[in-house]
Amino acid sequence: MTDNLETLFDSAETLSPRLSWMRKHGMQTMRCELSNDEDFQEWMASITYGMFAYGDTEDEALSALASKLGIKMWNES
């Protein structure tokens, strides 16, 4: 079925600048489980070799991880 869909919709994958940047740097995000802790942050960003960062929003978690890695965000020049 997948082969049929690829033939039917023969087009290159187009990623947003943000997703392209995340893929380039091997980043993933996930929403954390809810907690009763007031300091709990809902989002975690990580890279494959085990560096993590947290934030109240997905973008804040990505920003914190980019800062730890010393890289510019997708929307910075």
Protein backbone atom coordinates (compact mmCIF):
# COMPACT_ATOMS: atom_id res chain seq x y z
CA MET A 1 0.00 0.00 0.00
CA THR A 2 2.83 2.41 0.80
CA ASP A 3 4.36 1.89 -2.64
CA ASN A 4 1.03 2.76 -4.23
CA LEU A 5 0.72 5.94 -2.20
CA GLU A 6 4.26 7.00 -3.10
CA THR A 7 3.44 6.49 -6.77
CA LEU A 8 0.10 8.23 -6.50
CA PHE A 9 1.56 11.20 -4.62
CA ASP A 10 4.98 11.43 -6.23
CA SER A 11 6.41 14.57 -4.60
CA ALA A 12 9.41 15.43 -2.51
CA GLU A 13 8.99 15.86 1.22
CA THR A 14 8.83 19.53 2.17
CA LEU A 15 9.65 20.36 5.78
CA SER A 16 9.03 23.63 7.56
CA PRO A 17 12.17 25.58 8.52
CA ARG A 18 11.69 24.46 12.12
CA LEU A 19 11.35 20.76 11.30
CA SER A 20 14.25 20.94 8.86
CA TRP A 21 16.41 22.52 11.60
CA MET A 22 15.33 19.85 14.12
CA ARG A 23 16.16 17.04 11.69
CA LYS A 24 19.55 18.61 10.83
CA HIS A 25 20.53 18.64 14.52
CA GLY A 26 18.90 15.30 15.41
CA MET A 27 16.43 16.87 17.82
CA GLN A 28 13.17 15.43 19.05
CA THR A 29 10.52 16.81 21.35
CA MET A 30 7.93 15.18 23.52
CA ARG A 31 5.28 16.28 25.95
CA CYS A 32 6.05 15.13 29.48
CA GLU A 33 3.58 13.44 31.79
CA LEU A 34 1.52 15.68 34.04
CA SER A 35 2.80 16.28 37.55
CA ASN A 36 1.64 18.03 40.73
CA ASP A 37 5.04 19.75 40.99
CA GLU A 38 4.65 23.55 40.50
CA ASP A 39 8.08 23.76 38.82
CA PHE A 40 7.20 21.00 36.36
CA GLN A 41 7.82 21.86 32.71
CA GLU A 42 5.59 20.26 30.12
CA TRP A 43 7.99 19.82 27.18
CA MET A 44 11.32 18.09 26.73
CA ALA A 45 13.69 18.41 23.79
CA SER A 46 16.50 15.91 23.30
CA ILE A 47 19.19 14.79 20.92
CA THR A 48 20.22 11.24 20.26
CA TYR A 49 23.25 11.10 22.55
CA GLY A 50 21.33 12.00 25.67
CA MET A 51 21.31 15.76 26.15
CA PHE A 52 17.96 17.06 27.40
CA ALA A 53 16.33 20.44 27.97
CA TYR A 54 12.91 21.37 29.29
CA GLY A 55 10.43 24.21 28.83
CA ASP A 56 6.84 25.22 29.41
CA THR A 57 6.30 25.15 25.63
CA GLU A 58 7.82 23.07 22.87
CA ASP A 59 9.66 26.11 21.48
CA GLU A 60 11.07 26.96 24.94
CA ALA A 61 12.42 23.42 25.28
CA LEU A 62 14.01 23.63 21.82
CA SER A 63 15.49 27.03 22.65
CA ALA A 64 16.97 25.72 25.90
CA LEU A 65 18.52 22.75 24.08
CA ALA A 66 19.91 24.95 21.31
CA SER A 67 21.46 27.17 23.98
CA LYS A 68 23.10 24.16 25.65
CA LEU A 69 24.47 23.04 22.28
CA GLY A 70 25.61 26.54 21.32
CA ILE A 71 23.64 26.60 18.07
CA LYS A 72 21.33 29.21 16.59
CA MET A 73 17.60 28.59 16.37
CA TRP A 74 15.95 28.07 12.98
CA ASN A 75 14.53 31.60 13.11
CA GLU A 76 17.78 33.39 14.03
CA SER A 77 20.12 34.85 11.44
